[in-house]
N, C-alpha and C. Protein backbone atom coordinates (compact mmCIF):
# COMPACT_ATOMS: atom_id res chain seq x y z
N MET A 1 -10.23 18.80 31.32
CA MET A 1 -11.47 18.29 30.72
C MET A 1 -11.18 17.11 29.80
N LYS A 2 -10.09 17.26 29.00
CA LYS A 2 -9.71 16.20 28.09
C LYS A 2 -9.36 14.94 28.86
N ASN A 3 -8.66 15.13 30.00
CA ASN A 3 -8.28 13.98 30.83
C ASN A 3 -9.50 13.24 31.33
N GLU A 4 -10.51 14.00 31.79
CA GLU A 4 -11.74 13.38 32.30
C GLU A 4 -12.45 12.62 31.19
N GLU A 5 -12.46 13.21 29.99
CA GLU A 5 -13.12 12.59 28.85
C GLU A 5 -12.48 11.26 28.50
N GLU A 6 -11.12 11.23 28.54
CA GLU A 6 -10.40 10.03 28.17
C GLU A 6 -10.58 8.93 29.20
N ARG A 7 -11.00 9.30 30.41
CA ARG A 7 -11.18 8.29 31.46
C ARG A 7 -12.65 7.85 31.57
N ASN A 8 -13.49 8.36 30.69
CA ASN A 8 -14.89 7.98 30.68
C ASN A 8 -15.20 7.39 29.31
N LEU A 9 -15.50 6.12 29.26
CA LEU A 9 -15.65 5.43 27.98
C LEU A 9 -16.76 6.05 27.14
N GLY A 10 -17.90 6.34 27.75
CA GLY A 10 -19.01 6.92 27.00
C GLY A 10 -18.64 8.24 26.37
N SER A 11 -18.00 9.10 27.15
CA SER A 11 -17.59 10.42 26.62
C SER A 11 -16.55 10.27 25.52
N LEU A 12 -15.64 9.32 25.70
CA LEU A 12 -14.60 9.10 24.69
C LEU A 12 -15.22 8.65 23.37
N ILE A 13 -16.15 7.73 23.44
CA ILE A 13 -16.81 7.24 22.22
C ILE A 13 -17.56 8.38 21.53
N LYS A 14 -18.32 9.15 22.30
CA LYS A 14 -19.09 10.25 21.70
C LYS A 14 -18.17 11.29 21.06
N THR A 15 -17.07 11.60 21.72
CA THR A 15 -16.12 12.57 21.18
C THR A 15 -15.51 12.07 19.87
N LEU A 16 -15.13 10.80 19.86
CA LEU A 16 -14.53 10.24 18.65
C LEU A 16 -15.53 10.17 17.51
N LEU A 17 -16.76 9.84 17.82
CA LEU A 17 -17.80 9.82 16.78
C LEU A 17 -17.99 11.22 16.19
N ARG A 18 -18.00 12.21 17.07
CA ARG A 18 -18.20 13.59 16.63
C ARG A 18 -17.04 14.07 15.76
N THR A 19 -15.80 13.81 16.22
CA THR A 19 -14.63 14.31 15.48
C THR A 19 -14.44 13.57 14.16
N ARG A 20 -14.95 12.37 14.08
CA ARG A 20 -14.82 11.59 12.84
C ARG A 20 -16.09 11.63 11.99
N SER A 21 -17.04 12.43 12.42
CA SER A 21 -18.31 12.60 11.70
C SER A 21 -18.99 11.25 11.44
N LEU A 22 -19.03 10.44 12.50
CA LEU A 22 -19.67 9.13 12.41
C LEU A 22 -20.91 9.09 13.30
N SER A 23 -21.92 8.38 12.88
CA SER A 23 -23.09 8.15 13.71
C SER A 23 -22.93 6.80 14.41
N MET A 24 -23.72 6.56 15.44
CA MET A 24 -23.68 5.27 16.11
C MET A 24 -24.11 4.16 15.15
N ARG A 25 -25.04 4.49 14.25
CA ARG A 25 -25.49 3.50 13.28
C ARG A 25 -24.36 3.12 12.34
N LYS A 26 -23.56 4.11 11.92
CA LYS A 26 -22.42 3.83 11.04
C LYS A 26 -21.38 3.00 11.78
N LEU A 27 -21.12 3.34 13.04
CA LEU A 27 -20.18 2.56 13.84
C LEU A 27 -20.67 1.13 14.01
N SER A 28 -21.98 0.98 14.14
CA SER A 28 -22.58 -0.35 14.24
C SER A 28 -22.31 -1.16 12.97
N MET A 29 -22.43 -0.51 11.82
CA MET A 29 -22.17 -1.19 10.55
C MET A 29 -20.72 -1.60 10.43
N LEU A 30 -19.83 -0.75 10.91
CA LEU A 30 -18.39 -1.02 10.82
C LEU A 30 -17.96 -2.14 11.75
N THR A 31 -18.52 -2.12 12.96
CA THR A 31 -18.06 -3.05 14.00
C THR A 31 -18.88 -4.33 14.09
N GLY A 32 -20.12 -4.28 13.61
CA GLY A 32 -21.00 -5.43 13.78
C GLY A 32 -21.68 -5.46 15.14
N ILE A 33 -21.45 -4.42 15.94
CA ILE A 33 -22.10 -4.32 17.25
C ILE A 33 -23.45 -3.63 17.08
N ASP A 34 -24.47 -4.15 17.72
CA ASP A 34 -25.81 -3.58 17.60
C ASP A 34 -25.82 -2.10 18.01
N THR A 35 -26.55 -1.29 17.26
CA THR A 35 -26.62 0.15 17.53
C THR A 35 -27.10 0.43 18.95
N ALA A 36 -28.09 -0.32 19.42
CA ALA A 36 -28.61 -0.12 20.77
C ALA A 36 -27.55 -0.42 21.82
N THR A 37 -26.71 -1.42 21.54
CA THR A 37 -25.62 -1.75 22.47
C THR A 37 -24.60 -0.62 22.52
N ILE A 38 -24.25 -0.08 21.36
CA ILE A 38 -23.31 1.05 21.32
C ILE A 38 -23.88 2.24 22.08
N SER A 39 -25.17 2.49 21.89
CA SER A 39 -25.83 3.60 22.59
C SER A 39 -25.77 3.42 24.11
N ARG A 40 -26.03 2.20 24.56
CA ARG A 40 -25.99 1.95 26.01
C ARG A 40 -24.57 2.11 26.56
N ILE A 41 -23.59 1.66 25.81
CA ILE A 41 -22.19 1.80 26.25
C ILE A 41 -21.80 3.28 26.26
N ALA A 42 -22.18 4.00 25.20
CA ALA A 42 -21.83 5.43 25.08
C ALA A 42 -22.50 6.26 26.16
N ASN A 43 -23.64 5.78 26.67
CA ASN A 43 -24.34 6.49 27.74
C ASN A 43 -24.08 5.88 29.11
N ASN A 44 -23.04 5.06 29.17
CA ASN A 44 -22.60 4.44 30.43
C ASN A 44 -23.70 3.64 31.12
N LYS A 45 -24.56 3.02 30.31
CA LYS A 45 -25.63 2.19 30.87
C LYS A 45 -25.33 0.70 30.73
N GLN A 46 -24.24 0.39 30.02
CA GLN A 46 -23.83 -1.00 29.83
C GLN A 46 -22.32 -1.07 29.81
N LYS A 47 -21.76 -2.08 30.47
CA LYS A 47 -20.32 -2.26 30.49
C LYS A 47 -19.87 -2.86 29.17
N ALA A 48 -18.85 -2.28 28.57
CA ALA A 48 -18.33 -2.80 27.31
C ALA A 48 -17.55 -4.10 27.54
N LYS A 49 -17.74 -5.05 26.65
CA LYS A 49 -16.96 -6.28 26.69
C LYS A 49 -15.59 -6.03 26.08
N PRO A 50 -14.60 -6.88 26.39
CA PRO A 50 -13.28 -6.72 25.77
C PRO A 50 -13.33 -6.69 24.25
N SER A 51 -14.22 -7.52 23.66
CA SER A 51 -14.33 -7.54 22.20
C SER A 51 -14.86 -6.21 21.67
N HIS A 52 -15.76 -5.56 22.44
CA HIS A 52 -16.25 -4.23 22.04
C HIS A 52 -15.10 -3.24 21.99
N LEU A 53 -14.26 -3.27 23.03
CA LEU A 53 -13.15 -2.31 23.12
C LEU A 53 -12.20 -2.45 21.94
N GLN A 54 -11.90 -3.70 21.56
CA GLN A 54 -11.01 -3.94 20.43
C GLN A 54 -11.60 -3.40 19.14
N LEU A 55 -12.88 -3.64 18.93
CA LEU A 55 -13.53 -3.16 17.71
C LEU A 55 -13.61 -1.64 17.67
N PHE A 56 -13.91 -1.02 18.81
CA PHE A 56 -13.93 0.44 18.87
C PHE A 56 -12.54 1.00 18.55
N ALA A 57 -11.51 0.41 19.14
CA ALA A 57 -10.14 0.88 18.92
C ALA A 57 -9.77 0.79 17.44
N HIS A 58 -10.13 -0.33 16.84
CA HIS A 58 -9.78 -0.55 15.43
C HIS A 58 -10.49 0.44 14.50
N HIS A 59 -11.80 0.62 14.72
CA HIS A 59 -12.58 1.42 13.77
C HIS A 59 -12.60 2.91 14.10
N LEU A 60 -12.23 3.27 15.33
CA LEU A 60 -12.17 4.70 15.67
C LEU A 60 -10.74 5.22 15.68
N GLY A 61 -9.80 4.32 15.48
CA GLY A 61 -8.42 4.74 15.21
C GLY A 61 -7.61 5.25 16.37
N ILE A 62 -7.84 4.72 17.58
CA ILE A 62 -6.96 5.07 18.69
C ILE A 62 -6.54 3.78 19.39
N PRO A 63 -5.42 3.82 20.15
CA PRO A 63 -4.90 2.59 20.76
C PRO A 63 -5.90 1.91 21.69
N LEU A 64 -5.88 0.60 21.67
CA LEU A 64 -6.74 -0.19 22.54
C LEU A 64 -6.53 0.18 24.00
N ALA A 65 -5.28 0.46 24.37
CA ALA A 65 -4.97 0.79 25.77
C ALA A 65 -5.80 1.97 26.28
N LYS A 66 -6.07 2.95 25.42
CA LYS A 66 -6.86 4.11 25.85
C LYS A 66 -8.31 3.72 26.13
N PHE A 67 -8.85 2.82 25.32
CA PHE A 67 -10.22 2.35 25.56
C PHE A 67 -10.28 1.53 26.84
N ILE A 68 -9.26 0.71 27.06
CA ILE A 68 -9.23 -0.10 28.27
C ILE A 68 -9.16 0.80 29.51
N GLN A 69 -8.35 1.84 29.44
CA GLN A 69 -8.25 2.78 30.55
C GLN A 69 -9.57 3.51 30.77
N ALA A 70 -10.21 3.95 29.68
CA ALA A 70 -11.47 4.66 29.78
C ALA A 70 -12.57 3.77 30.35
N ALA A 71 -12.43 2.45 30.11
CA ALA A 71 -13.42 1.49 30.62
C ALA A 71 -13.24 1.21 32.11
N GLY A 72 -12.18 1.79 32.69
CA GLY A 72 -12.01 1.67 34.13
C GLY A 72 -10.90 0.76 34.60
N TYR A 73 -10.13 0.21 33.65
CA TYR A 73 -9.02 -0.63 34.05
C TYR A 73 -7.78 0.24 34.28
N ASP A 74 -6.91 -0.22 35.15
CA ASP A 74 -5.71 0.54 35.51
C ASP A 74 -4.62 0.28 34.49
N VAL A 75 -4.46 1.22 33.56
CA VAL A 75 -3.46 1.09 32.52
C VAL A 75 -2.55 2.31 32.54
N GLU A 76 -1.25 2.08 32.60
CA GLU A 76 -0.31 3.20 32.55
C GLU A 76 0.02 3.46 31.09
N LEU A 77 -0.25 4.68 30.64
CA LEU A 77 0.05 5.06 29.26
C LEU A 77 1.23 6.02 29.27
N HIS A 78 2.43 5.47 29.11
CA HIS A 78 3.61 6.32 29.05
C HIS A 78 3.61 7.07 27.73
N GLU A 79 4.02 8.31 27.76
CA GLU A 79 3.91 9.15 26.58
C GLU A 79 4.62 8.55 25.38
N LYS A 80 5.81 7.98 25.58
CA LYS A 80 6.55 7.45 24.43
C LYS A 80 5.89 6.21 23.86
N ASN A 81 5.02 5.56 24.65
CA ASN A 81 4.34 4.37 24.17
C ASN A 81 2.85 4.61 23.94
N ALA A 82 2.47 5.88 23.89
CA ALA A 82 1.04 6.20 23.88
C ALA A 82 0.31 5.69 22.64
N THR A 83 1.06 5.39 21.57
CA THR A 83 0.40 4.92 20.36
C THR A 83 0.45 3.40 20.24
N SER A 84 0.94 2.73 21.29
CA SER A 84 1.13 1.29 21.18
C SER A 84 0.36 0.53 22.24
N ASP A 85 -0.33 -0.53 21.83
CA ASP A 85 -1.02 -1.38 22.78
C ASP A 85 -0.05 -2.17 23.63
N LEU A 86 1.24 -2.16 23.30
CA LEU A 86 2.22 -2.89 24.08
C LEU A 86 2.43 -2.25 25.45
N SER A 87 1.86 -1.06 25.68
CA SER A 87 2.00 -0.40 26.98
C SER A 87 1.12 -1.02 28.05
N ILE A 88 0.23 -1.95 27.67
CA ILE A 88 -0.64 -2.60 28.64
C ILE A 88 0.18 -3.58 29.46
N SER A 89 0.07 -3.49 30.77
CA SER A 89 0.87 -4.35 31.65
C SER A 89 0.27 -5.73 31.78
N ILE A 90 1.09 -6.67 32.21
CA ILE A 90 0.62 -8.04 32.39
C ILE A 90 -0.45 -8.10 33.48
N GLU A 91 -0.34 -7.24 34.51
CA GLU A 91 -1.34 -7.21 35.56
C GLU A 91 -2.70 -6.78 35.00
N THR A 92 -2.67 -5.79 34.12
CA THR A 92 -3.91 -5.31 33.52
C THR A 92 -4.53 -6.37 32.61
N ILE A 93 -3.69 -7.07 31.84
CA ILE A 93 -4.19 -8.14 30.98
C ILE A 93 -4.91 -9.17 31.83
N GLN A 94 -4.28 -9.56 32.92
CA GLN A 94 -4.87 -10.58 33.78
C GLN A 94 -6.19 -10.10 34.37
N GLU A 95 -6.22 -8.85 34.83
CA GLU A 95 -7.45 -8.29 35.42
C GLU A 95 -8.59 -8.31 34.42
N ILE A 96 -8.29 -7.92 33.18
CA ILE A 96 -9.32 -7.87 32.15
C ILE A 96 -9.83 -9.27 31.83
N LEU A 97 -8.92 -10.21 31.66
CA LEU A 97 -9.31 -11.56 31.30
C LEU A 97 -10.15 -12.22 32.39
N VAL A 98 -9.73 -12.04 33.63
CA VAL A 98 -10.46 -12.65 34.73
C VAL A 98 -11.85 -12.03 34.86
N SER A 99 -11.92 -10.70 34.74
CA SER A 99 -13.20 -10.01 34.88
C SER A 99 -14.15 -10.38 33.75
N ALA A 100 -13.59 -10.74 32.60
CA ALA A 100 -14.42 -11.11 31.45
C ALA A 100 -14.65 -12.62 31.39
N ASN A 101 -14.22 -13.31 32.45
CA ASN A 101 -14.39 -14.77 32.53
C ASN A 101 -13.72 -15.50 31.37
N HIS A 102 -12.59 -14.96 30.90
CA HIS A 102 -11.87 -15.60 29.81
C HIS A 102 -10.68 -16.42 30.30
N LEU A 103 -10.31 -16.27 31.57
CA LEU A 103 -9.12 -16.95 32.06
C LEU A 103 -9.38 -17.43 33.47
N GLU A 104 -9.26 -18.72 33.67
CA GLU A 104 -9.54 -19.29 34.98
C GLU A 104 -8.31 -19.29 35.88
N HIS A 105 -7.13 -19.41 35.28
CA HIS A 105 -5.92 -19.49 36.08
C HIS A 105 -5.08 -18.23 35.90
N GLN A 106 -4.22 -17.98 36.86
CA GLN A 106 -3.34 -16.82 36.76
C GLN A 106 -2.15 -17.18 35.88
N PHE A 107 -1.60 -16.16 35.25
CA PHE A 107 -0.38 -16.38 34.49
C PHE A 107 0.61 -15.30 34.90
N ASN A 108 1.87 -15.54 34.63
CA ASN A 108 2.89 -14.55 35.00
C ASN A 108 4.04 -14.61 34.01
N LEU A 109 4.96 -13.68 34.17
CA LEU A 109 6.07 -13.60 33.23
C LEU A 109 6.97 -14.82 33.29
N GLU A 110 7.03 -15.48 34.46
CA GLU A 110 7.86 -16.68 34.57
C GLU A 110 7.39 -17.75 33.59
N GLN A 111 6.08 -17.88 33.43
CA GLN A 111 5.55 -18.86 32.48
C GLN A 111 5.99 -18.55 31.06
N ILE A 112 5.95 -17.27 30.71
CA ILE A 112 6.35 -16.86 29.36
C ILE A 112 7.84 -17.09 29.17
N HIS A 113 8.66 -16.75 30.17
CA HIS A 113 10.10 -16.99 30.08
C HIS A 113 10.37 -18.49 29.92
N HIS A 114 9.62 -19.31 30.63
CA HIS A 114 9.80 -20.76 30.55
C HIS A 114 9.51 -21.25 29.13
N GLU A 115 8.44 -20.74 28.52
CA GLU A 115 8.10 -21.14 27.16
C GLU A 115 9.20 -20.71 26.19
N LEU A 116 9.71 -19.50 26.36
CA LEU A 116 10.76 -19.00 25.47
C LEU A 116 12.02 -19.85 25.57
N THR A 117 12.35 -20.25 26.79
CA THR A 117 13.54 -21.08 27.00
C THR A 117 13.44 -22.39 26.24
N LYS A 118 12.23 -22.95 26.19
CA LYS A 118 12.01 -24.21 25.48
C LYS A 118 12.33 -24.08 23.99
N TYR A 119 12.13 -22.87 23.44
CA TYR A 119 12.31 -22.68 22.01
C TYR A 119 13.72 -22.24 21.63
N GLU A 120 14.54 -21.88 22.60
CA GLU A 120 15.85 -21.32 22.28
C GLU A 120 16.73 -22.28 21.47
N GLN A 121 16.87 -23.51 21.95
CA GLN A 121 17.70 -24.47 21.23
C GLN A 121 17.04 -24.93 19.93
N PHE A 122 15.71 -25.05 19.97
CA PHE A 122 14.98 -25.44 18.76
C PHE A 122 15.21 -24.42 17.65
N ALA A 123 15.34 -23.15 18.03
CA ALA A 123 15.54 -22.08 17.05
C ALA A 123 16.87 -22.23 16.31
N LEU A 124 17.83 -22.93 16.92
CA LEU A 124 19.15 -23.09 16.30
C LEU A 124 19.25 -24.35 15.43
N THR A 125 18.20 -25.18 15.45
CA THR A 125 18.21 -26.40 14.65
C THR A 125 17.67 -26.13 13.25
N LYS A 126 17.98 -27.06 12.34
CA LYS A 126 17.46 -26.93 10.97
C LYS A 126 15.93 -27.02 10.97
N GLU A 127 15.40 -27.90 11.83
CA GLU A 127 13.95 -28.05 11.91
C GLU A 127 13.30 -26.75 12.38
N GLY A 128 13.88 -26.13 13.41
CA GLY A 128 13.35 -24.87 13.91
C GLY A 128 13.44 -23.77 12.88
N GLU A 129 14.57 -23.73 12.18
CA GLU A 129 14.76 -22.72 11.13
C GLU A 129 13.73 -22.90 10.02
N HIS A 130 13.51 -24.14 9.60
CA HIS A 130 12.52 -24.39 8.55
C HIS A 130 11.11 -24.03 9.01
N LYS A 131 10.83 -24.29 10.28
CA LYS A 131 9.52 -23.94 10.83
C LYS A 131 9.29 -22.43 10.73
N ILE A 132 10.30 -21.66 11.08
CA ILE A 132 10.20 -20.20 11.01
C ILE A 132 10.06 -19.73 9.56
N LEU A 133 10.93 -20.26 8.69
CA LEU A 133 10.91 -19.83 7.29
C LEU A 133 9.62 -20.23 6.58
N ASP A 134 9.09 -21.40 6.91
CA ASP A 134 7.90 -21.91 6.22
C ASP A 134 6.59 -21.37 6.75
N GLU A 135 6.56 -20.99 8.04
CA GLU A 135 5.27 -20.71 8.66
C GLU A 135 5.08 -19.30 9.21
N PHE A 136 6.16 -18.51 9.32
CA PHE A 136 6.00 -17.18 9.93
C PHE A 136 5.04 -16.30 9.12
N GLU A 137 5.28 -16.17 7.83
CA GLU A 137 4.46 -15.28 7.02
C GLU A 137 3.01 -15.74 6.97
N GLN A 138 2.82 -17.06 6.98
CA GLN A 138 1.45 -17.61 7.00
C GLN A 138 0.73 -17.23 8.28
N LYS A 139 1.45 -17.30 9.42
CA LYS A 139 0.84 -16.94 10.71
C LYS A 139 0.50 -15.44 10.74
N VAL A 140 1.37 -14.62 10.20
CA VAL A 140 1.10 -13.17 10.14
C VAL A 140 -0.16 -12.91 9.33
N ASP A 141 -0.31 -13.63 8.21
CA ASP A 141 -1.53 -13.48 7.39
C ASP A 141 -2.77 -13.88 8.18
N GLN A 142 -2.64 -14.89 9.01
CA GLN A 142 -3.78 -15.37 9.80
C GLN A 142 -4.27 -14.32 10.78
N VAL A 143 -3.34 -13.61 11.44
CA VAL A 143 -3.75 -12.64 12.47
C VAL A 143 -4.14 -11.31 11.87
N ARG A 144 -3.72 -11.05 10.64
CA ARG A 144 -4.09 -9.83 9.91
C ARG A 144 -3.96 -8.57 10.74
N GLY A 145 -2.78 -8.31 11.22
CA GLY A 145 -2.54 -7.08 11.97
C GLY A 145 -3.28 -7.02 13.26
N ALA A 146 -3.30 -8.14 14.02
CA ALA A 146 -4.04 -8.17 15.28
C ALA A 146 -3.49 -7.23 16.31
N GLY A 147 -2.33 -6.69 16.09
CA GLY A 147 -1.76 -5.75 17.05
C GLY A 147 -0.50 -5.10 16.51
N PRO A 148 -0.05 -4.02 17.16
CA PRO A 148 1.14 -3.31 16.69
C PRO A 148 2.40 -4.15 16.81
N PHE A 149 2.36 -5.24 17.57
CA PHE A 149 3.53 -6.10 17.71
C PHE A 149 3.90 -6.76 16.39
N ILE A 150 2.98 -6.80 15.42
CA ILE A 150 3.27 -7.43 14.13
C ILE A 150 4.44 -6.72 13.44
N ASN A 151 4.49 -5.41 13.51
CA ASN A 151 5.60 -4.67 12.90
C ASN A 151 6.93 -5.09 13.50
N GLU A 152 6.95 -5.23 14.83
CA GLU A 152 8.18 -5.64 15.50
C GLU A 152 8.54 -7.07 15.14
N LEU A 153 7.54 -7.94 15.04
CA LEU A 153 7.81 -9.32 14.65
C LEU A 153 8.39 -9.40 13.24
N ASN A 154 7.87 -8.59 12.34
CA ASN A 154 8.42 -8.57 10.98
C ASN A 154 9.87 -8.13 10.97
N LYS A 155 10.19 -7.14 11.80
CA LYS A 155 11.59 -6.69 11.90
C LYS A 155 12.47 -7.80 12.46
N MET A 156 11.93 -8.50 13.48
CA MET A 156 12.70 -9.59 14.08
C MET A 156 12.90 -10.72 13.08
N TYR A 157 11.90 -11.00 12.29
CA TYR A 157 12.00 -12.04 11.27
C TYR A 157 13.07 -11.68 10.24
N ASN A 158 13.05 -10.44 9.78
CA ASN A 158 14.05 -10.00 8.79
C ASN A 158 15.46 -10.04 9.38
N ARG A 159 15.55 -9.71 10.66
CA ARG A 159 16.85 -9.75 11.32
C ARG A 159 17.33 -11.20 11.47
N TYR A 160 16.40 -12.10 11.77
CA TYR A 160 16.72 -13.51 11.91
C TYR A 160 17.29 -14.08 10.60
N LEU A 161 16.81 -13.55 9.48
CA LEU A 161 17.25 -14.03 8.17
C LEU A 161 18.65 -13.56 7.78
N GLU A 162 19.15 -12.54 8.48
CA GLU A 162 20.47 -12.02 8.15
C GLU A 162 21.55 -13.06 8.48
N GLU A 163 22.55 -13.14 7.62
CA GLU A 163 23.58 -14.16 7.78
C GLU A 163 24.65 -13.78 8.81
N ASN A 164 24.81 -12.50 9.05
CA ASN A 164 25.93 -12.06 9.88
C ASN A 164 25.56 -11.84 11.35
N ILE A 165 24.45 -12.43 11.83
CA ILE A 165 24.11 -12.25 13.24
C ILE A 165 24.71 -13.39 14.06
N SER A 166 24.91 -13.11 15.33
CA SER A 166 25.51 -14.10 16.22
C SER A 166 24.50 -15.19 16.58
N SER A 167 25.01 -16.32 17.09
CA SER A 167 24.11 -17.40 17.50
C SER A 167 23.24 -16.95 18.68
N GLU A 168 23.79 -16.08 19.55
CA GLU A 168 23.00 -15.57 20.68
C GLU A 168 21.80 -14.78 20.17
N GLU A 169 22.07 -13.93 19.20
CA GLU A 169 21.00 -13.10 18.64
C GLU A 169 19.97 -13.97 17.92
N ARG A 170 20.45 -14.95 17.16
CA ARG A 170 19.55 -15.84 16.44
C ARG A 170 18.68 -16.65 17.41
N THR A 171 19.27 -17.02 18.55
CA THR A 171 18.53 -17.76 19.57
C THR A 171 17.37 -16.93 20.11
N ILE A 172 17.65 -15.67 20.44
CA ILE A 172 16.63 -14.79 20.99
C ILE A 172 15.52 -14.54 19.97
N LEU A 173 15.94 -14.19 18.75
CA LEU A 173 14.96 -13.90 17.70
C LEU A 173 14.13 -15.14 17.36
N GLY A 174 14.81 -16.27 17.24
CA GLY A 174 14.12 -17.50 16.88
C GLY A 174 13.12 -17.93 17.93
N SER A 175 13.47 -17.79 19.21
CA SER A 175 12.55 -18.21 20.28
C SER A 175 11.28 -17.38 20.27
N VAL A 176 11.41 -16.08 20.01
CA VAL A 176 10.23 -15.21 19.95
C VAL A 176 9.36 -15.58 18.75
N LEU A 177 9.99 -15.79 17.60
CA LEU A 177 9.25 -16.12 16.39
C LEU A 177 8.54 -17.47 16.52
N LEU A 178 9.20 -18.43 17.15
CA LEU A 178 8.59 -19.75 17.33
C LEU A 178 7.42 -19.70 18.30
N TYR A 179 7.55 -18.89 19.35
CA TYR A 179 6.44 -18.72 20.29
C TYR A 179 5.20 -18.24 19.53
N PHE A 180 5.41 -17.26 18.67
CA PHE A 180 4.31 -16.70 17.89
C PHE A 180 3.74 -17.73 16.91
N ILE A 181 4.61 -18.46 16.24
CA ILE A 181 4.17 -19.41 15.21
C ILE A 181 3.45 -20.61 15.80
N LEU A 182 3.98 -21.15 16.89
CA LEU A 182 3.49 -22.43 17.38
C LEU A 182 2.22 -22.32 18.23
N SER A 183 1.84 -21.11 18.60
CA SER A 183 0.56 -20.88 19.29
C SER A 183 0.41 -21.66 20.59
N THR A 184 1.52 -21.90 21.28
CA THR A 184 1.43 -22.54 22.60
C THR A 184 1.28 -21.44 23.64
N ASP A 185 0.22 -20.67 23.50
CA ASP A 185 0.08 -19.42 24.24
C ASP A 185 -0.38 -19.60 25.67
N ILE A 186 0.13 -18.75 26.53
CA ILE A 186 -0.37 -18.67 27.90
C ILE A 186 -1.82 -18.18 27.86
N ILE A 187 -2.08 -17.21 26.99
CA ILE A 187 -3.45 -16.77 26.71
C ILE A 187 -3.81 -17.33 25.33
N PRO A 188 -4.79 -18.21 25.22
CA PRO A 188 -5.11 -18.79 23.91
C PRO A 188 -5.45 -17.73 22.88
N ASP A 189 -5.01 -17.94 21.63
CA ASP A 189 -5.27 -16.97 20.57
C ASP A 189 -6.75 -16.74 20.33
N TYR A 190 -7.59 -17.74 20.65
CA TYR A 190 -9.02 -17.58 20.38
C TYR A 190 -9.69 -16.65 21.38
N VAL A 191 -8.98 -16.25 22.46
CA VAL A 191 -9.56 -15.30 23.41
C VAL A 191 -9.42 -13.90 22.80
N PHE A 192 -10.33 -13.58 21.88
CA PHE A 192 -10.28 -12.30 21.18
C PHE A 192 -10.81 -11.19 22.09
N PRO A 193 -10.20 -10.00 22.14
CA PRO A 193 -9.06 -9.60 21.35
C PRO A 193 -7.74 -9.73 22.10
N PHE A 194 -7.75 -10.39 23.26
CA PHE A 194 -6.56 -10.40 24.10
C PHE A 194 -5.67 -11.61 23.90
N GLY A 195 -6.03 -12.47 22.95
CA GLY A 195 -5.28 -13.69 22.75
C GLY A 195 -3.86 -13.48 22.27
N TYR A 196 -3.55 -12.29 21.74
CA TYR A 196 -2.21 -12.04 21.25
C TYR A 196 -1.41 -11.14 22.18
N LEU A 197 -1.96 -10.83 23.34
CA LEU A 197 -1.23 -9.94 24.24
C LEU A 197 -0.02 -10.61 24.87
N ASP A 198 -0.07 -11.93 25.08
CA ASP A 198 1.14 -12.56 25.58
C ASP A 198 2.20 -12.59 24.49
N ASP A 199 1.78 -12.63 23.21
CA ASP A 199 2.75 -12.50 22.12
C ASP A 199 3.40 -11.11 22.17
N CYS A 200 2.60 -10.10 22.50
CA CYS A 200 3.15 -8.74 22.66
C CYS A 200 4.20 -8.72 23.76
N LEU A 201 3.89 -9.38 24.88
CA LEU A 201 4.83 -9.43 25.99
C LEU A 201 6.10 -10.19 25.59
N VAL A 202 5.95 -11.25 24.81
CA VAL A 202 7.11 -12.00 24.33
C VAL A 202 8.00 -11.11 23.47
N VAL A 203 7.37 -10.31 22.60
CA VAL A 203 8.14 -9.37 21.78
C VAL A 203 8.89 -8.39 22.66
N GLN A 204 8.21 -7.87 23.70
CA GLN A 204 8.87 -6.94 24.62
C GLN A 204 10.09 -7.60 25.27
N ILE A 205 9.90 -8.84 25.73
CA ILE A 205 11.00 -9.55 26.37
C ILE A 205 12.16 -9.74 25.40
N GLY A 206 11.82 -10.14 24.17
CA GLY A 206 12.85 -10.34 23.16
C GLY A 206 13.60 -9.07 22.84
N LEU A 207 12.88 -7.96 22.70
CA LEU A 207 13.53 -6.67 22.42
C LEU A 207 14.44 -6.26 23.56
N GLY A 208 13.99 -6.53 24.80
CA GLY A 208 14.82 -6.21 25.96
C GLY A 208 16.09 -7.02 25.98
N ARG A 209 15.99 -8.30 25.65
CA ARG A 209 17.17 -9.17 25.63
C ARG A 209 18.12 -8.77 24.52
N LEU A 210 17.57 -8.37 23.37
CA LEU A 210 18.42 -7.91 22.26
C LEU A 210 19.15 -6.63 22.63
N ALA A 211 18.44 -5.73 23.35
CA ALA A 211 19.06 -4.47 23.77
C ALA A 211 20.22 -4.74 24.72
N LYS A 212 20.05 -5.69 25.63
CA LYS A 212 21.13 -6.04 26.56
C LYS A 212 22.30 -6.65 25.82
N LEU A 213 21.98 -7.45 24.82
CA LEU A 213 23.02 -8.08 24.00
C LEU A 213 23.81 -7.03 23.23
N ASP A 214 23.10 -6.05 22.66
CA ASP A 214 23.77 -4.97 21.92
C ASP A 214 24.66 -4.16 22.87
N HIS A 215 24.18 -3.97 24.09
CA HIS A 215 24.96 -3.22 25.07
C HIS A 215 26.21 -3.99 25.49
N LYS A 216 26.06 -5.30 25.57
CA LYS A 216 27.17 -6.16 25.97
C LYS A 216 28.23 -6.26 24.87
N HIS A 217 27.75 -6.27 23.61
CA HIS A 217 28.67 -6.36 22.46
C HIS A 217 28.42 -5.18 21.52
N PRO A 218 28.85 -3.98 21.90
CA PRO A 218 28.58 -2.80 21.07
C PRO A 218 29.29 -2.87 19.71
């Protein structure tokens, strides 16, 4: 029964409202979404927009990925990643963006890898280092916790600042941080709430590369 509920957006919203002792009117006040719109979504009479899903996730306190899945998109929620929006696949991101008319062209991981490669050498220069030191915290303030990837980015930033890391490690960390700072996104940041999902994917790629590096040099 719980599984069925989680796969039905209306049922999921009603359950969360009940368990949190919230009314639709109160949720409307929190999210800025009209009460009638919330009612239609909760009764499966209106399709939720991506921005609705993000606001519901934020104010009802469960991962965005679960709302996306309940809305009918194909999202794999692995148990170890069940609390993280980083579990959303690139295919799902693309499907959502296209269906919401937010993205006209396709994107893929090769594009993201290409962008990261451009920043690798820049990350090792004084100019790149100053860019990271001067602008990372300001960019974090701008997004105000737009996703769980912020915690990982903060860890990567602190690691980048350490003096005893290798140039390989600094290159990987710096390229990820610069991608985030410079906003040359495959998905524009203004495409709320999915504008930072390619940043999430960049963090995943960076963490994977760091893990391989640690394995190579234990």
